[in-house]
């Protein structure tokens, strides 16, 4: 049996593990992203005004605004504009 001059720490992760953990963290953050109610309300309100301020589509405006904010967030991640700290 050979003795290793430089024993490895048993608790140390392999070199590639930190990279995959970072990617997993980013993907989890993307999944967990939820725009604030203020952001959604602001975007939904502008959509409501742009469509002529007609009543009866509040839920649709809200859901569309939320989906657009999430899509915008994904684009910033794809292009690297989002802060990854």
PDB file of N, CA and C in Angstrom:
ATOM      1  N   UNK A   1       0.841  -1.171   0.000  1.00  0.00           N
ATOM      2  CA  UNK A   1       0.000   0.000   0.000  1.00  0.00           C
ATOM      3  C   UNK A   1       0.884   1.232   0.000  1.00  0.00           C
ATOM      4  N   UNK A   2       0.603   2.155  -0.921  1.00  0.00           N
ATOM      5  CA  UNK A   2       1.383   3.376  -1.000  1.00  0.00           C
ATOM      6  C   UNK A   2       0.757   4.437  -0.117  1.00  0.00           C
ATOM      7  N   UNK A   3       1.614   5.230   0.497  1.00  0.00           N
ATOM      8  CA  UNK A   3       1.129   6.347   1.292  1.00  0.00           C
ATOM      9  C   UNK A   3       1.166   7.599   0.424  1.00  0.00           C
ATOM     10  N   UNK A   4       0.059   8.277   0.399  1.00  0.00           N
ATOM     11  CA  UNK A   4      -0.026   9.499  -0.395  1.00  0.00           C
ATOM     12  C   UNK A   4       0.630  10.632   0.373  1.00  0.00           C
ATOM     13  N   UNK A   5       1.556  11.300  -0.285  1.00  0.00           N
ATOM     14  CA  UNK A   5       2.260  12.410   0.344  1.00  0.00           C
ATOM     15  C   UNK A   5       1.322  13.583   0.629  1.00  0.00           C
ATOM     16  N   UNK A   6       0.302  13.743  -0.212  1.00  0.00           N
ATOM     17  CA  UNK A   6      -0.656  14.833  -0.080  1.00  0.00           C
ATOM     18  C   UNK A   6      -2.063  14.250   0.038  1.00  0.00           C
ATOM     19  N   UNK A   7      -2.442  13.820   1.222  1.00  0.00           N
ATOM     20  CA  UNK A   7      -3.770  13.210   1.361  1.00  0.00           C
ATOM     21  C   UNK A   7      -4.873  14.235   1.077  1.00  0.00           C
ATOM     22  N   UNK A   8      -5.905  13.769   0.443  1.00  0.00           N
ATOM     23  CA  UNK A   8      -7.034  14.644   0.130  1.00  0.00           C
ATOM     24  C   UNK A   8      -7.958  14.726   1.328  1.00  0.00           C
ATOM     25  N   UNK A   9      -8.513  15.884   1.494  1.00  0.00           N
ATOM     26  CA  UNK A   9      -9.518  16.087   2.530  1.00  0.00           C
ATOM     27  C   UNK A   9     -10.770  15.322   2.106  1.00  0.00           C
ATOM     28  N   UNK A  10     -11.261  14.471   2.949  1.00  0.00           N
ATOM     29  CA  UNK A  10     -12.424  13.662   2.619  1.00  0.00           C
ATOM     30  C   UNK A  10     -13.690  14.497   2.445  1.00  0.00           C
ATOM     31  N   UNK A  11     -13.725  15.684   3.029  1.00  0.00           N
ATOM     32  CA  UNK A  11     -14.895  16.551   2.925  1.00  0.00           C
ATOM     33  C   UNK A  11     -14.835  17.456   1.702  1.00  0.00           C
ATOM     34  N   UNK A  12     -13.750  17.414   0.967  1.00  0.00           N
ATOM     35  CA  UNK A  12     -13.569  18.286  -0.180  1.00  0.00           C
ATOM     36  C   UNK A  12     -14.348  17.746  -1.373  1.00  0.00           C
ATOM     37  N   UNK A  13     -15.001  18.656  -2.105  1.00  0.00           N
ATOM     38  CA  UNK A  13     -15.773  18.263  -3.281  1.00  0.00           C
ATOM     39  C   UNK A  13     -14.858  18.211  -4.493  1.00  0.00           C
ATOM     40  N   UNK A  14     -15.178  17.376  -5.470  1.00  0.00           N
ATOM     41  CA  UNK A  14     -14.399  17.349  -6.703  1.00  0.00           C
ATOM     42  C   UNK A  14     -14.453  18.713  -7.395  1.00  0.00           C
ATOM     43  N   UNK A  15     -13.480  18.976  -8.242  1.00  0.00           N
ATOM     44  CA  UNK A  15     -13.366  20.283  -8.897  1.00  0.00           C
ATOM     45  C   UNK A  15     -14.622  20.647  -9.672  1.00  0.00           C
ATOM     46  N   UNK A  16     -15.244  19.732 -10.370  1.00  0.00           N
ATOM     47  CA  UNK A  16     -16.435  20.027 -11.155  1.00  0.00           C
ATOM     48  C   UNK A  16     -17.688  20.217 -10.333  1.00  0.00           C
ATOM     49  N   UNK A  17     -17.675  19.826  -9.079  1.00  0.00           N
ATOM     50  CA  UNK A  17     -18.870  19.910  -8.248  1.00  0.00           C
ATOM     51  C   UNK A  17     -19.286  21.346  -7.994  1.00  0.00           C
ATOM     52  N   UNK A  18     -18.333  22.245  -7.826  1.00  0.00           N
ATOM     53  CA  UNK A  18     -18.700  23.631  -7.547  1.00  0.00           C
ATOM     54  C   UNK A  18     -19.365  24.273  -8.753  1.00  0.00           C
ATOM     55  N   UNK A  19     -18.948  23.909  -9.955  1.00  0.00           N
ATOM     56  CA  UNK A  19     -19.546  24.466 -11.162  1.00  0.00           C
ATOM     57  C   UNK A  19     -20.980  23.981 -11.296  1.00  0.00           C
ATOM     58  N   UNK A  20     -21.206  22.681 -11.126  1.00  0.00           N
ATOM     59  CA  UNK A  20     -22.562  22.161 -11.272  1.00  0.00           C
ATOM     60  C   UNK A  20     -23.461  22.678 -10.163  1.00  0.00           C
ATOM     61  N   UNK A  21     -22.917  22.897  -8.977  1.00  0.00           N
ATOM     62  CA  UNK A  21     -23.724  23.458  -7.895  1.00  0.00           C
ATOM     63  C   UNK A  21     -24.135  24.879  -8.226  1.00  0.00           C
ATOM     64  N   UNK A  22     -23.236  25.638  -8.839  1.00  0.00           N
ATOM     65  CA  UNK A  22     -23.562  27.011  -9.218  1.00  0.00           C
ATOM     66  C   UNK A  22     -24.656  27.023 -10.277  1.00  0.00           C
ATOM     67  N   UNK A  23     -24.559  26.163 -11.263  1.00  0.00           N
ATOM     68  CA  UNK A  23     -25.583  26.079 -12.303  1.00  0.00           C
ATOM     69  C   UNK A  23     -26.907  25.673 -11.681  1.00  0.00           C
ATOM     70  N   UNK A  24     -26.877  24.712 -10.776  1.00  0.00           N
ATOM     71  CA  UNK A  24     -28.107  24.283 -10.116  1.00  0.00           C
ATOM     72  C   UNK A  24     -28.715  25.425  -9.315  1.00  0.00           C
ATOM     73  N   UNK A  25     -27.872  26.206  -8.630  1.00  0.00           N
ATOM     74  CA  UNK A  25     -28.368  27.354  -7.868  1.00  0.00           C
ATOM     75  C   UNK A  25     -29.024  28.367  -8.788  1.00  0.00           C
ATOM     76  N   UNK A  26     -28.405  28.647  -9.932  1.00  0.00           N
ATOM     77  CA  UNK A  26     -28.981  29.610 -10.878  1.00  0.00           C
ATOM     78  C   UNK A  26     -30.321  29.117 -11.393  1.00  0.00           C
ATOM     79  N   UNK A  27     -30.390  27.832 -11.751  1.00  0.00           N
ATOM     80  CA  UNK A  27     -31.647  27.289 -12.241  1.00  0.00           C
ATOM     81  C   UNK A  27     -32.717  27.344 -11.161  1.00  0.00           C
ATOM     82  N   UNK A  28     -32.347  27.075  -9.922  1.00  0.00           N
ATOM     83  CA  UNK A  28     -33.312  27.132  -8.827  1.00  0.00           C
ATOM     84  C   UNK A  28     -33.775  28.566  -8.606  1.00  0.00           C
ATOM     85  N   UNK A  29     -32.863  29.536  -8.697  1.00  0.00           N
ATOM     86  CA  UNK A  29     -33.244  30.935  -8.544  1.00  0.00           C
ATOM     87  C   UNK A  29     -34.196  31.357  -9.653  1.00  0.00           C
ATOM     88  N   UNK A  30     -33.973  30.865 -10.853  1.00  0.00           N
ATOM     89  CA  UNK A  30     -34.846  31.201 -11.967  1.00  0.00           C
ATOM     90  C   UNK A  30     -36.236  30.646 -11.721  1.00  0.00           C
ATOM     91  N   UNK A  31     -36.301  29.431 -11.215  1.00  0.00           N
ATOM     92  CA  UNK A  31     -37.580  28.811 -10.929  1.00  0.00           C
ATOM     93  C   UNK A  31     -38.294  29.557  -9.804  1.00  0.00           C
ATOM     94  N   UNK A  32     -37.540  29.961  -8.795  1.00  0.00           N
ATOM     95  CA  UNK A  32     -38.129  30.609  -7.636  1.00  0.00           C
ATOM     96  C   UNK A  32     -38.479  32.069  -7.854  1.00  0.00           C
ATOM     97  N   UNK A  33     -38.061  32.658  -8.984  1.00  0.00           N
ATOM     98  CA  UNK A  33     -38.311  34.073  -9.198  1.00  0.00           C
ATOM     99  C   UNK A  33     -39.800  34.344  -9.242  1.00  0.00           C
ATOM    100  N   UNK A  34     -40.197  35.292  -8.448  1.00  0.00           N
ATOM    101  CA  UNK A  34     -41.579  35.742  -8.440  1.00  0.00           C
ATOM    102  C   UNK A  34     -41.548  37.263  -8.377  1.00  0.00           C
ATOM    103  N   UNK A  35     -42.088  37.936  -9.394  1.00  0.00           N
ATOM    104  CA  UNK A  35     -42.059  39.394  -9.357  1.00  0.00           C
ATOM    105  C   UNK A  35     -42.873  39.907  -8.174  1.00  0.00           C
ATOM    106  N   UNK A  36     -42.483  41.060  -7.671  1.00  0.00           N
ATOM    107  CA  UNK A  36     -43.202  41.624  -6.536  1.00  0.00           C
ATOM    108  C   UNK A  36     -44.596  42.054  -6.982  1.00  0.00           C
ATOM    109  N   UNK A  37     -45.543  42.049  -6.065  1.00  0.00           N
ATOM    110  CA  UNK A  37     -46.900  42.497  -6.398  1.00  0.00           C
ATOM    111  C   UNK A  37     -46.927  43.931  -6.953  1.00  0.00           C
ATOM    112  N   UNK A  38     -46.026  44.785  -6.466  1.00  0.00           N
ATOM    113  CA  UNK A  38     -45.968  46.161  -6.983  1.00  0.00           C
ATOM    114  C   UNK A  38     -45.566  46.185  -8.450  1.00  0.00           C
ATOM    115  N   UNK A  39     -44.568  45.364  -8.813  1.00  0.00           N
ATOM    116  CA  UNK A  39     -44.123  45.303 -10.207  1.00  0.00           C
ATOM    117  C   UNK A  39     -45.252  44.821 -11.118  1.00  0.00           C
ATOM    118  N   UNK A  40     -45.927  43.758 -10.670  1.00  0.00           N
ATOM    119  CA  UNK A  40     -47.004  43.184 -11.472  1.00  0.00           C
ATOM    120  C   UNK A  40     -48.154  44.183 -11.594  1.00  0.00           C
ATOM    121  N   UNK A  41     -48.509  44.822 -10.489  1.00  0.00           N
ATOM    122  CA  UNK A  41     -49.613  45.786 -10.506  1.00  0.00           C
ATOM    123  C   UNK A  41     -49.314  46.943 -11.459  1.00  0.00           C
ATOM    124  N   UNK A  42     -48.096  47.438 -11.422  1.00  0.00           N
ATOM    125  CA  UNK A  42     -47.708  48.553 -12.296  1.00  0.00           C
ATOM    126  C   UNK A  42     -47.826  48.149 -13.764  1.00  0.00           C
ATOM    127  N   UNK A  43     -47.302  46.977 -14.100  1.00  0.00           N
ATOM    128  CA  UNK A  43     -47.337  46.517 -15.485  1.00  0.00           C
ATOM    129  C   UNK A  43     -48.778  46.213 -15.915  1.00  0.00           C
ATOM    130  N   UNK A  44     -49.562  45.625 -15.046  1.00  0.00           N
ATOM    131  CA  UNK A  44     -50.961  45.316 -15.352  1.00  0.00           C
ATOM    132  C   UNK A  44     -51.765  46.601 -15.544  1.00  0.00           C
ATOM    133  N   UNK A  45     -51.490  47.612 -14.739  1.00  0.00           N
ATOM    134  CA  UNK A  45     -52.192  48.884 -14.854  1.00  0.00           C
ATOM    135  C   UNK A  45     -51.908  49.535 -16.210  1.00  0.00           C
ATOM    136  N   UNK A  46     -50.643  49.532 -16.631  1.00  0.00           N
ATOM    137  CA  UNK A  46     -50.317  50.136 -17.920  1.00  0.00           C
ATOM    138  C   UNK A  46     -50.976  49.367 -19.061  1.00  0.00           C
ATOM    139  N   UNK A  47     -51.073  48.079 -18.937  1.00  0.00           N
ATOM    140  CA  UNK A  47     -51.756  47.278 -19.948  1.00  0.00           C
ATOM    141  C   UNK A  47     -53.244  47.648 -19.982  1.00  0.00           C
ATOM    142  N   UNK A  48     -53.839  47.797 -18.822  1.00  0.00           N
ATOM    143  CA  UNK A  48     -55.245  48.201 -18.685  1.00  0.00           C
ATOM    144  C   UNK A  48     -55.479  49.565 -19.343  1.00  0.00           C
ATOM    145  N   UNK A  49     -54.625  50.516 -19.076  1.00  0.00           N
ATOM    146  CA  UNK A  49     -54.753  51.860 -19.649  1.00  0.00           C
ATOM    147  C   UNK A  49     -54.555  51.815 -21.161  1.00  0.00           C
ATOM    148  N   UNK A  50     -53.556  51.056 -21.624  1.00  0.00           N
ATOM    149  CA  UNK A  50     -53.275  50.960 -23.061  1.00  0.00           C
ATOM    150  C   UNK A  50     -54.405  50.308 -23.845  1.00  0.00           C
ATOM    151  N   UNK A  51     -55.200  49.478 -23.178  1.00  0.00           N
ATOM    152  CA  UNK A  51     -56.332  48.830 -23.850  1.00  0.00           C
ATOM    153  C   UNK A  51     -57.616  49.651 -23.732  1.00  0.00           C
ATOM    154  N   UNK A  52     -57.518  50.862 -23.238  1.00  0.00           N
ATOM    155  CA  UNK A  52     -58.685  51.734 -23.187  1.00  0.00           C
ATOM    156  C   UNK A  52     -59.413  51.756 -21.862  1.00  0.00           C
ATOM    157  N   UNK A  53     -58.824  51.217 -20.819  1.00  0.00           N
ATOM    158  CA  UNK A  53     -59.383  51.238 -19.458  1.00  0.00           C
ATOM    159  C   UNK A  53     -60.757  50.578 -19.368  1.00  0.00           C
ATOM    160  N   UNK A  54     -60.955  49.526 -20.135  1.00  0.00           N
ATOM    161  CA  UNK A  54     -62.223  48.808 -20.085  1.00  0.00           C
ATOM    162  C   UNK A  54     -62.214  47.827 -18.912  1.00  0.00           C
ATOM    163  N   UNK A  55     -63.299  47.789 -18.145  1.00  0.00           N
ATOM    164  CA  UNK A  55     -63.353  46.884 -16.983  1.00  0.00           C
ATOM    165  C   UNK A  55     -63.571  45.432 -17.418  1.00  0.00           C
ATOM    166  N   UNK A  56     -63.259  44.506 -16.503  1.00  0.00           N
ATOM    167  CA  UNK A  56     -63.579  43.106 -16.723  1.00  0.00           C
ATOM    168  C   UNK A  56     -62.407  42.211 -17.104  1.00  0.00           C
ATOM    169  N   UNK A  57     -61.204  42.754 -17.259  1.00  0.00           N
ATOM    170  CA  UNK A  57     -60.057  41.923 -17.632  1.00  0.00           C
ATOM    171  C   UNK A  57     -58.941  42.026 -16.609  1.00  0.00           C
ATOM    172  N   UNK A  58     -59.280  42.303 -15.359  1.00  0.00           N
ATOM    173  CA  UNK A  58     -58.264  42.515 -14.332  1.00  0.00           C
ATOM    174  C   UNK A  58     -57.358  41.307 -14.150  1.00  0.00           C
ATOM    175  N   UNK A  59     -57.966  40.131 -14.105  1.00  0.00           N
ATOM    176  CA  UNK A  59     -57.186  38.902 -13.885  1.00  0.00           C
ATOM    177  C   UNK A  59     -56.274  38.638 -15.080  1.00  0.00           C
ATOM    178  N   UNK A  60     -56.793  38.817 -16.287  1.00  0.00           N
ATOM    179  CA  UNK A  60     -55.975  38.596 -17.481  1.00  0.00           C
ATOM    180  C   UNK A  60     -54.798  39.563 -17.515  1.00  0.00           C
ATOM    181  N   UNK A  61     -55.061  40.845 -17.194  1.00  0.00           N
ATOM    182  CA  UNK A  61     -53.971  41.823 -17.168  1.00  0.00           C
ATOM    183  C   UNK A  61     -52.914  41.427 -16.144  1.00  0.00           C
ATOM    184  N   UNK A  62     -53.352  40.976 -14.985  1.00  0.00           N
ATOM    185  CA  UNK A  62     -52.430  40.584 -13.921  1.00  0.00           C
ATOM    186  C   UNK A  62     -51.567  39.400 -14.366  1.00  0.00           C
ATOM    187  N   UNK A  63     -52.215  38.362 -14.894  1.00  0.00           N
ATOM    188  CA  UNK A  63     -51.484  37.156 -15.300  1.00  0.00           C
ATOM    189  C   UNK A  63     -50.524  37.433 -16.461  1.00  0.00           C
ATOM    190  N   UNK A  64     -50.967  38.248 -17.416  1.00  0.00           N
ATOM    191  CA  UNK A  64     -50.086  38.603 -18.532  1.00  0.00           C
ATOM    192  C   UNK A  64     -48.879  39.411 -18.046  1.00  0.00           C
ATOM    193  N   UNK A  65     -49.116  40.348 -17.131  1.00  0.00           N
ATOM    194  CA  UNK A  65     -48.024  41.161 -16.599  1.00  0.00           C
ATOM    195  C   UNK A  65     -47.019  40.294 -15.857  1.00  0.00           C
ATOM    196  N   UNK A  66     -47.522  39.363 -15.061  1.00  0.00           N
ATOM    197  CA  UNK A  66     -46.647  38.463 -14.311  1.00  0.00           C
ATOM    198  C   UNK A  66     -45.811  37.600 -15.256  1.00  0.00           C
ATOM    199  N   UNK A  67     -46.446  37.060 -16.292  1.00  0.00           N
ATOM    200  CA  UNK A  67     -45.739  36.221 -17.267  1.00  0.00           C
ATOM    201  C   UNK A  67     -44.676  37.030 -18.012  1.00  0.00           C
ATOM    202  N   UNK A  68     -44.989  38.270 -18.367  1.00  0.00           N
ATOM    203  CA  UNK A  68     -44.023  39.109 -19.077  1.00  0.00           C
ATOM    204  C   UNK A  68     -42.816  39.432 -18.198  1.00  0.00           C
ATOM    205  N   UNK A  69     -43.052  39.698 -16.924  1.00  0.00           N
ATOM    206  CA  UNK A  69     -41.941  39.995 -16.019  1.00  0.00           C
ATOM    207  C   UNK A  69     -41.029  38.778 -15.845  1.00  0.00           C
ATOM    208  N   UNK A  70     -41.622  37.604 -15.757  1.00  0.00           N
ATOM    209  CA  UNK A  70     -40.829  36.378 -15.629  1.00  0.00           C
ATOM    210  C   UNK A  70     -40.028  36.140 -16.910  1.00  0.00           C
ATOM    211  N   UNK A  71     -40.654  36.372 -18.078  1.00  0.00           N
ATOM    212  CA  UNK A  71     -39.953  36.199 -19.358  1.00  0.00           C
ATOM    213  C   UNK A  71     -38.797  37.192 -19.476  1.00  0.00           C
ATOM    214  N   UNK A  72     -39.015  38.436 -19.034  1.00  0.00           N
ATOM    215  CA  UNK A  72     -37.943  39.432 -19.058  1.00  0.00           C
ATOM    216  C   UNK A  72     -36.789  38.999 -18.165  1.00  0.00           C
ATOM    217  N   UNK A  73     -37.106  38.439 -17.019  1.00  0.00           N
ATOM    218  CA  UNK A  73     -36.067  37.977 -16.091  1.00  0.00           C
ATOM    219  C   UNK A  73     -35.245  36.858 -16.721  1.00  0.00           C
ATOM    220  N   UNK A  74     -35.914  35.951 -17.430  1.00  0.00           N
ATOM    221  CA  UNK A  74     -35.197  34.861 -18.099  1.00  0.00           C
ATOM    222  C   UNK A  74     -34.265  35.400 -19.173  1.00  0.00           C
ATOM    223  N   UNK A  75     -34.713  36.412 -19.921  1.00  0.00           N
ATOM    224  CA  UNK A  75     -33.859  37.004 -20.946  1.00  0.00           C
ATOM    225  C   UNK A  75     -32.612  37.625 -20.344  1.00  0.00           C
ATOM    226  N   UNK A  76     -32.752  38.295 -19.209  1.00  0.00           N
ATOM    227  CA  UNK A  76     -31.577  38.904 -18.598  1.00  0.00           C
ATOM    228  C   UNK A  76     -30.612  37.841 -18.114  1.00  0.00           C
ATOM    229  N   UNK A  77     -31.108  36.695 -17.692  1.00  0.00           N
ATOM    230  CA  UNK A  77     -30.231  35.598 -17.272  1.00  0.00           C
ATOM    231  C   UNK A  77     -29.500  35.010 -18.473  1.00  0.00           C
ATOM    232  N   UNK A  78     -30.213  34.836 -19.579  1.00  0.00           N
ATOM    233  CA  UNK A  78     -29.625  34.245 -20.784  1.00  0.00           C
ATOM    234  C   UNK A  78     -28.513  35.137 -21.306  1.00  0.00           C
ATOM    235  N   UNK A  79     -28.705  36.435 -21.272  1.00  0.00           N
ATOM    236  CA  UNK A  79     -27.733  37.368 -21.805  1.00  0.00           C
ATOM    237  C   UNK A  79     -26.731  37.848 -20.767  1.00  0.00           C
ATOM    238  N   UNK A  80     -26.841  37.362 -19.542  1.00  0.00           N
ATOM    239  CA  UNK A  80     -25.855  37.668 -18.524  1.00  0.00           C
ATOM    240  C   UNK A  80     -25.977  39.033 -17.880  1.00  0.00           C
ATOM    241  N   UNK A  81     -27.136  39.674 -17.972  1.00  0.00           N
ATOM    242  CA  UNK A  81     -27.292  40.994 -17.381  1.00  0.00           C
ATOM    243  C   UNK A  81     -27.686  40.923 -15.920  1.00  0.00           C
ATOM    244  N   UNK A  82     -28.133  39.774 -15.464  1.00  0.00           N
ATOM    245  CA  UNK A  82     -28.589  39.644 -14.095  1.00  0.00           C
ATOM    246  C   UNK A  82     -27.394  39.439 -13.165  1.00  0.00           C
ATOM    247  N   UNK A  83     -27.417  40.063 -12.025  1.00  0.00           N
ATOM    248  CA  UNK A  83     -26.344  39.930 -11.046  1.00  0.00           C
ATOM    249  C   UNK A  83     -26.374  38.524 -10.451  1.00  0.00           C
ATOM    250  N   UNK A  84     -25.284  37.809 -10.535  1.00  0.00           N
ATOM    251  CA  UNK A  84     -25.249  36.407 -10.075  1.00  0.00           C
ATOM    252  C   UNK A  84     -24.651  36.262  -8.691  1.00  0.00           C
ATOM    253  N   UNK A  85     -24.817  37.221  -7.827  1.00  0.00           N
ATOM    254  CA  UNK A  85     -24.262  37.097  -6.483  1.00  0.00           C
ATOM    255  C   UNK A  85     -25.254  36.513  -5.543  1.00  0.00           C
TER     256      UNK A  85
END
